[in-house]
Structures are given as C-alpha cells and as structure tokens.
Amino acid sequence: MSGRKWYIITAAVLVLVLAAGAAALIGSRGAVSAGDPMVFEQGRKVKNGCVSVVDLRGTWREMGRQYGKLMESELRDVYAFTELIVEARVGNSDKADSIVQVQTRQTPYRIREFFEGAAETSGFTVEQLQRINAVERIAGLPRCSAAAVWGDYAASSLVFGRNYDYTDVFAELYDDVAVTVYHPADGALAAATVGYVGEIYAVNALNEKGIFLELNNGKPSAPVSSPNDRVSGTTMLFSSLFECDELDDLELFFNTVNCSSSYIINAANGSRAVSYEWCPTGVKRGEQTLPDGLLASTNHYVNPDWEYPVPTDENSWDALTRRENLIALCEAEKGHIDVPAMQRIIDTSEQDGGARNELTVYQIVAEPETLTLWVRVVHAPESAWEKIELDGFLRP
C-alpha cells in the first residue's frame, strides 16, 4: 500500500472515531447562558456566546479549586476528547503517558498546586488534569498566523489579529474555549489567557498592563529537537504575564530564558508590536523586516541572521504565502484598520488572498489599550465575534 493511500485511510478512520465520540460530548454539555454567572468561593464564571469567561482569585491552590468546580462540565468534554485523540492519533496510551510525564516534569510548583486544587473539586485526579493539559502536545503541532497594525496603518490605537490553527479534529471543542483570568494572591499582575479548557499555560494572553502576546509554531525555520530538561516555553510565557508590566520587559525575559521548542512570539501594547523568534539555540527579533506600524507573522523566521535554511511553502504549511497575503491585506487598508477591518483581514481565506485555512479553529482580535478581546470560534453552530471586555475583570 502506498504512503499516500495509508495516510488517507488513517485520516478517514480518525474522522469517524472522533465524530462518534463528538455526539457523546455534545449531548453532555452543560453550558451557562450569557448573563447567568456561576460563583464558587472567590471565583465566578459567565458565558459569552460559546466562550466561557472564568475569573479566579487567591493562592494557586485556591484558584485551582475554583477552576475545577466552575469548569467541571467543560473539563469532562476535553478529557473525553483527549482519550479519543490518544486512541485515534497516538495509537496507544503508553506513548501518551510518556508525553504527559515529560510535560508534568516541566511544570513549576505553583501550577502543580493549581492542579491539586482543581482535583479537589472537579472529580478528576491530578494525573487526569495533567493529561488534559497535554492534549495539544499529544495531538501534534499547530500552525498559526497573526497581524498587528499601529501608527500610520491603524485607524486609531493598535489592533492585533490572530488565527489559531490546529488539526481540524479540534472543531469538536467549539464550546470549550475559555478566557481564564488569574488574580494571584502573591501581588503579581492579573492576567488572562485564551485557549481550550484545561490548558494552564499561555498561547494567547493579555495582562492588566495591556501586554498582549500570542504564540506561533516556528518549527519550519528551526527544526531542532526539543530538550526535555527545560520548563516548556508555553509555561514560561504564562509566568511572564504576571511579571511584565512594560513591553520592553519581554526583551529581558527572552534574553534570560532558554526555550524548550521553536516558537514565534508576537506581542504588543497599545502603541507598538514586537516579534521574537525563540528556539532552543537562541532568540532574535523579527518585526524589523517590515515598515513601522505593521507586523505580520505565520510559521517561519524572517530575521536574516539565522543560520537555518530558509523554508519554502512546501515545508512550512504555506507560511510564506500566508504572511505575504496578510501584508498585502494590511497595505490595502493602510490608515483605516480598526477592529472590524482586522476581523475581515484575518478571516480572509488563503484561497481569497488571506491566511485563514481549513485548520483555523478560533480567531482573536485584541485592542490592548482598552483590554478588549473579540473571540470567534470558527466551528460553533452560531459562529460570531464575541466581545469580551476584560477591563472589569483585570482591573476590578
């Protein structure tokens, strides 16, 4: 049997297995309607369309307790989905267990305390919660795209747009995307993350000082092995949110912290955006290759000082074309890009000259100056841009 036929058959089986499991997941959902908050201890949860917003306060263990109780239903969804992924994509539990063990070993104490608290109220063990936390790592690598405009390109303040692309099976988790707001009791900054329920790390985030950041996969440019003897990059990004009150603080962070994989971290405040190409061998800035006021990023490094081979579309999921498309769309609307315009730009398909593709599972537009996010879950039955004003959560 040829390699291509085997791939097609495997993909078909995966779709059938996940579709069968999806029916059980959807039937068990217990969503909270908009404006109907749930409260447990110091935590609260409200539903904005299909996006949960959960506000946590206290020690890390206390925040874990709140999260476990408030997100119990969604955690059941994601755990069931994780087991389907293990069966259909990994093929055996031992391999998944190994992935989870590595991620657990890379997890700092305060996050392990969070899981201990969540285990007290969610009905899950710490080990099961760690498994949920590793679902994206078990599933494989994502591919993403982002654009930011400010200055001469923006209609007013900086606007940031981002497509989160993963395997299409994540479409089943359309009701399990959450904005999670953390208020640590140790005096650290408050911060919010956006991602699937159970992910206690940062791939999209905004803190109370208006620092927004998002992560893209950089493997096509730096295909180096990922060392297991470092705290994961997504966990370190999560930690940075509670410490960085200025955009320039991220420069210190990236120059200090060794990365565990190959990433592109794009970040912004209300007036400018920066890009860090971050991998186990070092870090370089990437935004200087474009005019001031514009950032566009997909899955390849653009700083010419890297010694790695320049990727092509064929080995980077069309990263070069997607980035050029974003640049062209922003140039076409230069000086007039506001939130609705950025929503149009990132929602333009690759076939129509944009970057959205069949693997885009959710989208975010951020206005850091006002601490406002717009989140759209692509595969939700009534997919719409949900406006989430975080000022009242991050600065109550």
Protein backbone atom coordinates (compact mmCIF):
# COMPACT_ATOMS: atom_id res chain seq x y z
CA MET A 1 0.00 0.00 0.00
CA SER A 2 1.41 3.42 -0.92
CA GLY A 3 2.20 6.02 1.75
CA ARG A 4 -0.44 8.38 0.38
CA LYS A 5 -3.20 5.72 0.49
CA TRP A 6 -2.24 4.79 4.01
CA TYR A 7 -2.44 8.47 5.05
CA ILE A 8 -5.91 8.83 3.51
CA ILE A 9 -7.22 5.69 5.21
CA THR A 10 -5.75 6.74 8.57
CA ALA A 11 -7.27 10.22 8.28
CA ALA A 12 -10.67 8.73 7.42
CA VAL A 13 -10.60 6.41 10.43
CA LEU A 14 -9.61 9.32 12.67
CA VAL A 15 -12.54 11.40 11.47
CA LEU A 16 -15.00 8.53 12.04
CA VAL A 17 -13.71 7.82 15.56
CA LEU A 18 -13.83 11.46 16.60
CA ALA A 19 -17.23 12.02 15.01
CA ALA A 20 -18.65 9.12 17.01
CA GLY A 21 -17.17 10.50 20.21
CA ALA A 22 -18.35 14.02 19.43
CA ALA A 23 -22.00 13.00 19.63
CA ALA A 24 -21.49 11.88 23.22
CA LEU A 25 -19.62 15.08 24.07
CA ILE A 26 -22.26 17.39 22.63
CA GLY A 27 -25.05 15.54 24.39
CA SER A 28 -23.41 16.04 27.79
CA ARG A 29 -22.76 19.79 27.63
CA GLY A 30 -24.00 21.99 30.47
CA ALA A 31 -23.37 25.50 29.16
CA VAL A 32 -24.14 28.61 31.18
CA SER A 33 -26.14 31.22 29.31
CA ALA A 34 -24.83 34.77 28.86
CA GLY A 35 -25.50 36.92 31.89
CA ASP A 36 -26.06 33.91 34.16
CA PRO A 37 -22.92 33.77 36.31
CA MET A 38 -21.80 30.79 38.35
CA VAL A 39 -19.98 31.51 41.60
CA PHE A 40 -17.80 29.23 43.71
CA GLU A 41 -15.69 30.52 46.60
CA GLN A 42 -13.91 33.60 45.18
CA GLY A 43 -14.29 32.52 41.55
CA ARG A 44 -17.01 33.24 39.02
CA LYS A 45 -17.86 32.14 35.51
CA VAL A 46 -20.06 33.60 32.80
CA LYS A 47 -20.72 32.51 29.23
CA ASN A 48 -20.23 34.93 26.31
CA GLY A 49 -21.84 33.04 23.45
CA CYS A 50 -19.81 29.83 23.21
CA VAL A 51 -16.83 31.32 25.09
CA SER A 52 -16.55 30.87 28.86
CA VAL A 53 -15.02 33.68 30.93
CA VAL A 54 -13.82 32.44 34.31
CA ASP A 55 -12.39 34.78 36.95
CA LEU A 56 -10.11 33.24 39.62
CA ARG A 57 -8.67 34.73 42.83
CA GLY A 58 -6.42 33.61 45.65
CA THR A 59 -3.48 31.28 46.05
CA TRP A 60 -2.73 28.93 43.18
CA ARG A 61 -4.40 26.06 45.01
CA GLU A 62 -7.48 28.21 45.73
CA MET A 63 -7.68 29.29 42.09
CA GLY A 64 -7.41 25.63 41.10
CA ARG A 65 -10.35 24.76 43.37
CA GLN A 66 -12.44 27.49 41.76
CA TYR A 67 -11.48 26.42 38.27
CA GLY A 68 -12.18 22.74 38.93
CA LYS A 69 -15.69 23.42 40.17
CA LEU A 70 -16.68 26.14 37.69
CA MET A 71 -15.26 24.33 34.64
CA GLU A 72 -16.22 20.77 35.65
CA SER A 73 -18.55 20.22 32.70
CA GLU A 74 -16.06 21.53 30.13
CA LEU A 75 -13.25 19.52 31.69
CA ARG A 76 -15.33 16.38 31.14
CA ASP A 77 -15.68 17.32 27.48
CA VAL A 78 -11.97 17.90 26.99
CA TYR A 79 -10.97 14.77 28.92
CA ALA A 80 -13.25 12.61 26.75
CA PHE A 81 -11.80 14.32 23.67
CA THR A 82 -8.26 13.72 24.94
CA GLU A 83 -8.90 9.99 25.23
CA LEU A 84 -10.27 9.96 21.68
CA ILE A 85 -7.13 11.72 20.48
CA VAL A 86 -4.95 9.18 22.27
CA GLU A 87 -6.81 6.28 20.66
CA ALA A 88 -7.05 7.69 17.15
CA ARG A 89 -3.86 9.73 16.73
CA VAL A 90 -1.26 8.32 19.12
CA GLY A 91 -2.44 4.74 18.91
CA ASN A 92 -1.53 3.63 22.43
CA SER A 93 -1.78 5.01 25.93
CA ASP A 94 1.87 4.35 26.77
CA LYS A 95 3.08 6.94 24.27
CA ALA A 96 0.56 9.47 25.55
CA ASP A 97 1.60 8.69 29.12
CA SER A 98 5.21 9.42 28.19
CA ILE A 99 4.23 12.81 26.71
CA VAL A 100 2.24 13.67 29.83
CA GLN A 101 5.09 12.62 32.11
CA VAL A 102 7.53 14.90 30.30
CA GLN A 103 5.14 17.85 30.48
CA THR A 104 4.43 17.15 34.15
CA ARG A 105 8.15 17.11 34.93
CA GLN A 106 8.42 20.51 33.19
CA THR A 107 5.60 22.01 35.29
CA PRO A 108 6.52 24.51 38.04
CA TYR A 109 5.29 24.09 41.61
CA ARG A 110 2.57 26.77 41.56
CA ILE A 111 0.88 25.19 38.54
CA ARG A 112 1.09 21.77 40.17
CA GLU A 113 -0.60 23.38 43.17
CA PHE A 114 -3.31 24.65 40.80
CA PHE A 115 -3.95 21.08 39.66
CA GLU A 116 -4.03 19.87 43.26
CA GLY A 117 -6.77 22.40 43.97
CA ALA A 118 -8.70 21.52 40.80
CA ALA A 119 -8.56 17.83 41.73
CA GLU A 120 -10.35 18.64 45.00
CA THR A 121 -13.46 19.98 43.23
CA SER A 122 -13.60 18.72 39.64
CA GLY A 123 -13.97 14.98 40.10
CA PHE A 124 -10.68 14.42 38.24
CA THR A 125 -7.37 13.24 39.62
CA VAL A 126 -4.24 15.35 39.28
CA GLU A 127 -2.96 12.86 36.70
CA GLN A 128 -6.13 13.21 34.61
CA LEU A 129 -5.89 17.01 34.76
CA GLN A 130 -2.26 16.83 33.63
CA ARG A 131 -3.44 14.67 30.72
CA ILE A 132 -6.00 17.30 29.73
CA ASN A 133 -3.29 19.94 29.99
CA ALA A 134 -1.21 17.97 27.47
CA VAL A 135 -3.93 17.42 24.85
CA GLU A 136 -2.38 19.76 22.28
CA ARG A 137 1.03 18.23 22.81
CA ILE A 138 -0.45 14.77 22.28
CA ALA A 139 -2.32 15.88 19.15
CA GLY A 140 0.70 17.33 17.37
CA LEU A 141 1.97 20.69 16.16
CA PRO A 142 -0.23 23.71 15.37
CA ARG A 143 0.19 26.31 12.66
CA CYS A 144 -0.99 29.89 13.12
CA SER A 145 -0.95 33.43 11.72
CA ALA A 146 -1.05 36.94 13.14
CA ALA A 147 -1.07 40.60 12.14
CA ALA A 148 -0.86 43.84 14.09
CA VAL A 149 -1.17 47.46 12.99
CA TRP A 150 -0.49 50.77 14.71
CA GLY A 151 0.66 54.28 13.77
CA ASP A 152 0.09 55.07 10.09
CA TYR A 153 -1.58 51.71 9.45
CA ALA A 154 -4.23 51.90 12.19
CA ALA A 155 -7.42 53.93 12.31
CA SER A 156 -6.73 54.75 15.96
CA SER A 157 -4.99 52.57 18.59
CA LEU A 158 -3.13 49.34 17.90
CA VAL A 159 -5.21 46.39 16.75
CA PHE A 160 -3.92 42.80 16.79
CA GLY A 161 -5.48 39.86 14.92
CA ARG A 162 -4.68 36.19 15.18
CA ASN A 163 -5.81 32.84 13.70
CA TYR A 164 -5.26 29.78 15.88
CA ASP A 165 -4.81 26.82 13.56
CA TYR A 166 -4.71 23.25 14.79
CA THR A 167 -5.81 19.87 13.48
CA ASP A 168 -9.41 20.00 12.31
CA VAL A 169 -10.49 17.47 14.95
CA PHE A 170 -10.37 20.33 17.48
CA ALA A 171 -13.51 21.64 15.81
CA GLU A 172 -15.37 19.34 18.21
CA LEU A 173 -14.31 21.53 21.14
CA TYR A 174 -16.29 24.52 19.86
CA ASP A 175 -17.96 25.02 23.26
CA ASP A 176 -14.79 24.53 25.30
CA VAL A 177 -12.80 27.69 24.55
CA ALA A 178 -12.28 29.85 27.62
CA VAL A 179 -10.86 33.18 28.71
CA THR A 180 -9.34 32.47 32.12
CA VAL A 181 -8.47 35.42 34.37
CA TYR A 182 -5.95 34.84 37.15
CA HIS A 183 -5.57 37.10 40.22
CA PRO A 184 -2.70 35.54 42.21
CA ALA A 185 -2.68 36.40 45.90
CA ASP A 186 1.09 36.99 45.90
CA GLY A 187 0.86 40.52 44.50
CA ALA A 188 1.66 39.56 40.91
CA LEU A 189 -0.11 41.21 37.99
CA ALA A 190 -3.51 39.90 36.93
CA ALA A 191 -3.54 38.15 33.56
CA ALA A 192 -5.97 36.42 31.21
CA THR A 193 -5.33 33.55 28.83
CA VAL A 194 -7.40 32.33 25.86
CA GLY A 195 -7.40 28.65 24.94
CA TYR A 196 -9.08 25.32 25.43
CA VAL A 197 -10.39 24.49 28.89
CA GLY A 198 -7.78 22.68 30.98
CA GLU A 199 -4.77 24.34 29.34
CA ILE A 200 -2.88 26.06 32.13
CA TYR A 201 -0.28 27.83 30.02
CA ALA A 202 -0.22 30.69 27.51
CA VAL A 203 -0.62 30.63 23.75
CA ASN A 204 -2.79 33.78 23.75
CA ALA A 205 -2.83 36.18 26.68
CA LEU A 206 -3.39 39.73 27.96
CA ASN A 207 -2.36 41.14 31.32
CA GLU A 208 -3.69 44.07 33.33
CA LYS A 209 -0.97 46.39 31.97
CA GLY A 210 -2.22 45.84 28.43
CA ILE A 211 0.54 43.47 27.28
CA PHE A 212 -0.92 41.09 24.69
CA LEU A 213 1.01 38.14 23.31
CA GLU A 214 0.38 35.13 21.13
CA LEU A 215 2.45 32.10 20.06
CA ASN A 216 3.05 30.64 16.60
CA ASN A 217 4.85 27.41 15.79
CA GLY A 218 8.35 28.12 14.46
CA LYS A 219 9.44 24.55 13.69
CA PRO A 220 9.65 25.07 9.90
CA SER A 221 12.52 27.53 10.44
CA ALA A 222 14.23 25.91 13.42
CA PRO A 223 13.56 22.15 13.25
CA VAL A 224 15.81 21.44 16.23
CA SER A 225 14.99 18.81 18.82
CA SER A 226 13.03 19.95 21.85
CA PRO A 227 15.02 19.39 25.06
CA ASN A 228 13.03 17.77 27.86
CA ASP A 229 15.20 19.25 30.61
CA ARG A 230 13.65 22.74 30.37
CA VAL A 231 10.35 24.17 31.55
CA SER A 232 8.09 24.33 28.49
CA GLY A 233 8.04 27.60 26.57
CA THR A 234 4.27 27.95 26.88
CA THR A 235 4.54 27.64 30.67
CA MET A 236 7.32 30.23 30.80
CA LEU A 237 5.23 32.62 28.70
CA PHE A 238 2.40 32.10 31.18
CA SER A 239 4.75 33.07 34.02
CA SER A 240 5.95 36.18 32.19
CA LEU A 241 2.45 37.66 32.16
CA PHE A 242 2.45 38.06 35.94
CA GLU A 243 5.79 39.92 35.93
CA CYS A 244 6.00 42.08 32.79
CA ASP A 245 4.37 45.49 33.17
CA GLU A 246 6.14 47.03 30.16
CA LEU A 247 6.54 45.68 26.63
CA ASP A 248 10.31 46.09 26.93
CA ASP A 249 10.29 43.69 29.89
CA LEU A 250 9.73 40.89 27.40
CA GLU A 251 13.16 41.65 25.91
CA LEU A 252 14.70 40.85 29.28
CA PHE A 253 12.57 37.72 29.57
CA PHE A 254 13.55 36.29 26.19
CA ASN A 255 17.22 37.12 26.69
CA THR A 256 17.14 35.27 30.01
CA VAL A 257 15.00 32.20 29.40
CA ASN A 258 16.08 29.25 27.26
CA CYS A 259 13.25 27.88 25.15
CA SER A 260 12.09 24.26 25.02
CA SER A 261 10.94 24.34 21.37
CA SER A 262 10.84 26.59 18.28
CA TYR A 263 8.32 29.41 18.50
CA ILE A 264 7.47 32.86 17.24
CA ILE A 265 6.10 35.10 19.99
CA ASN A 266 4.32 38.23 18.81
CA ALA A 267 3.49 40.78 21.48
CA ALA A 268 2.04 44.28 21.72
CA ASN A 269 0.84 47.05 23.97
CA GLY A 270 -1.44 49.92 22.97
CA SER A 271 1.14 51.63 20.78
CA ARG A 272 3.51 49.11 19.12
CA ALA A 273 4.13 45.42 18.44
CA VAL A 274 7.26 43.25 18.51
CA SER A 275 8.15 39.74 17.35
CA TYR A 276 10.57 37.29 18.96
CA GLU A 277 11.86 34.26 17.08
CA TRP A 278 12.58 31.97 20.02
CA CYS A 279 14.11 28.50 19.86
CA PRO A 280 16.44 26.26 21.93
CA THR A 281 19.53 27.82 20.31
CA GLY A 282 18.65 31.47 20.91
CA VAL A 283 16.30 34.37 20.21
CA LYS A 284 16.18 37.13 17.58
CA ARG A 285 13.80 39.96 16.74
CA GLY A 286 11.66 39.57 13.62
CA GLU A 287 9.48 42.65 13.22
CA GLN A 288 12.18 44.96 11.82
CA THR A 289 11.78 43.47 8.36
CA LEU A 290 8.50 45.42 7.85
CA PRO A 291 7.64 49.15 7.86
CA ASP A 292 6.96 50.73 11.22
CA GLY A 293 3.33 50.23 12.12
CA LEU A 294 2.93 46.74 10.63
CA LEU A 295 3.62 43.23 11.87
CA ALA A 296 2.70 40.02 10.04
CA SER A 297 3.71 36.57 11.19
CA THR A 298 2.99 32.94 10.33
CA ASN A 299 5.31 29.97 10.95
CA HIS A 300 8.76 30.90 9.67
CA TYR A 301 11.57 33.09 10.96
CA VAL A 302 12.21 36.27 8.96
CA ASN A 303 15.34 37.60 10.66
CA PRO A 304 18.11 37.07 8.07
CA ASP A 305 20.79 36.40 10.70
CA TRP A 306 19.58 32.86 11.43
CA GLU A 307 21.82 30.11 10.07
CA TYR A 308 18.92 27.73 9.49
CA PRO A 309 17.80 27.12 5.88
CA VAL A 310 15.05 29.42 4.67
CA PRO A 311 11.85 27.34 4.50
CA THR A 312 9.58 27.08 1.49
CA ASP A 313 5.79 26.96 1.30
CA GLU A 314 6.04 23.21 0.81
CA ASN A 315 7.71 22.57 4.17
CA SER A 316 6.05 25.35 6.19
CA TRP A 317 2.29 24.94 5.58
CA ASP A 318 2.31 27.82 3.06
CA ALA A 319 3.76 30.11 5.72
CA LEU A 320 5.49 32.42 3.24
CA THR A 321 2.37 32.91 1.13
CA ARG A 322 0.13 33.40 4.15
CA ARG A 323 2.43 36.09 5.55
CA GLU A 324 2.66 37.91 2.21
CA ASN A 325 -1.14 37.77 1.97
CA LEU A 326 -1.51 39.39 5.39
CA ILE A 327 0.95 42.12 4.46
CA ALA A 328 -0.95 42.84 1.23
CA LEU A 329 -4.32 43.00 3.01
CA CYS A 330 -2.96 45.41 5.61
CA GLU A 331 -1.31 47.57 2.96
CA ALA A 332 -4.62 47.75 1.06
CA GLU A 333 -6.39 49.19 4.11
CA LYS A 334 -3.49 51.24 5.48
CA GLY A 335 -4.66 54.04 7.72
CA HIS A 336 -8.17 52.63 8.07
CA ILE A 337 -7.66 49.41 10.03
CA ASP A 338 -9.88 49.22 13.09
CA VAL A 339 -11.37 46.18 14.83
CA PRO A 340 -13.94 45.33 12.10
CA ALA A 341 -11.26 45.73 9.42
CA MET A 342 -8.86 43.45 11.30
CA GLN A 343 -11.63 40.89 11.70
CA ARG A 344 -12.09 40.91 7.92
CA ILE A 345 -8.35 40.65 7.31
CA ILE A 346 -7.72 37.60 9.47
CA ASP A 347 -10.95 35.96 8.33
CA THR A 348 -9.94 36.16 4.66
CA SER A 349 -9.20 32.65 3.44
CA GLU A 350 -5.91 31.67 1.88
CA GLN A 351 -7.74 30.96 -1.37
CA ASP A 352 -9.01 34.56 -1.35
CA GLY A 353 -5.63 36.06 -0.59
CA GLY A 354 -5.61 35.78 3.21
CA ALA A 355 -4.32 33.40 5.87
CA ARG A 356 -7.35 31.59 7.27
CA ASN A 357 -7.43 27.93 6.25
CA GLU A 358 -9.29 24.69 6.90
CA LEU A 359 -7.38 24.18 10.16
CA THR A 360 -8.33 27.52 11.74
CA VAL A 361 -10.29 26.64 14.90
CA TYR A 362 -10.63 30.03 16.59
CA GLN A 363 -9.71 33.65 15.96
CA ILE A 364 -8.85 36.57 18.23
CA VAL A 365 -8.76 40.32 17.70
CA ALA A 366 -7.23 42.32 20.56
CA GLU A 367 -7.24 46.01 21.40
CA PRO A 368 -4.67 46.11 24.23
CA GLU A 369 -5.25 49.77 25.08
CA THR A 370 -8.84 49.04 26.18
CA LEU A 371 -8.17 45.49 27.43
CA THR A 372 -10.77 44.20 24.98
CA LEU A 373 -10.80 40.93 23.05
CA TRP A 374 -13.06 39.66 20.30
CA VAL A 375 -13.07 35.86 20.03
CA ARG A 376 -14.68 33.82 17.26
CA VAL A 377 -14.87 30.02 17.46
CA VAL A 378 -14.98 29.04 13.81
CA HIS A 379 -16.92 25.77 14.08
CA ALA A 380 -19.53 26.86 16.62
CA PRO A 381 -23.12 26.34 15.38
CA GLU A 382 -23.72 30.10 15.51
CA SER A 383 -20.18 31.33 14.98
CA ALA A 384 -19.86 35.03 15.79
CA TRP A 385 -17.33 37.50 17.16
CA GLU A 386 -17.84 37.56 20.93
CA LYS A 387 -16.75 40.85 22.50
CA ILE A 388 -15.06 40.32 25.87
CA GLU A 389 -14.29 43.47 27.83
CA LEU A 390 -11.61 42.46 30.30
CA ASP A 391 -11.11 45.82 31.98
CA GLY A 392 -13.67 44.91 34.65
CA PHE A 393 -12.01 41.52 35.18
CA LEU A 394 -8.36 42.54 35.14
CA ARG A 395 -8.83 45.89 36.92
CA PRO A 396 -11.92 45.49 39.13
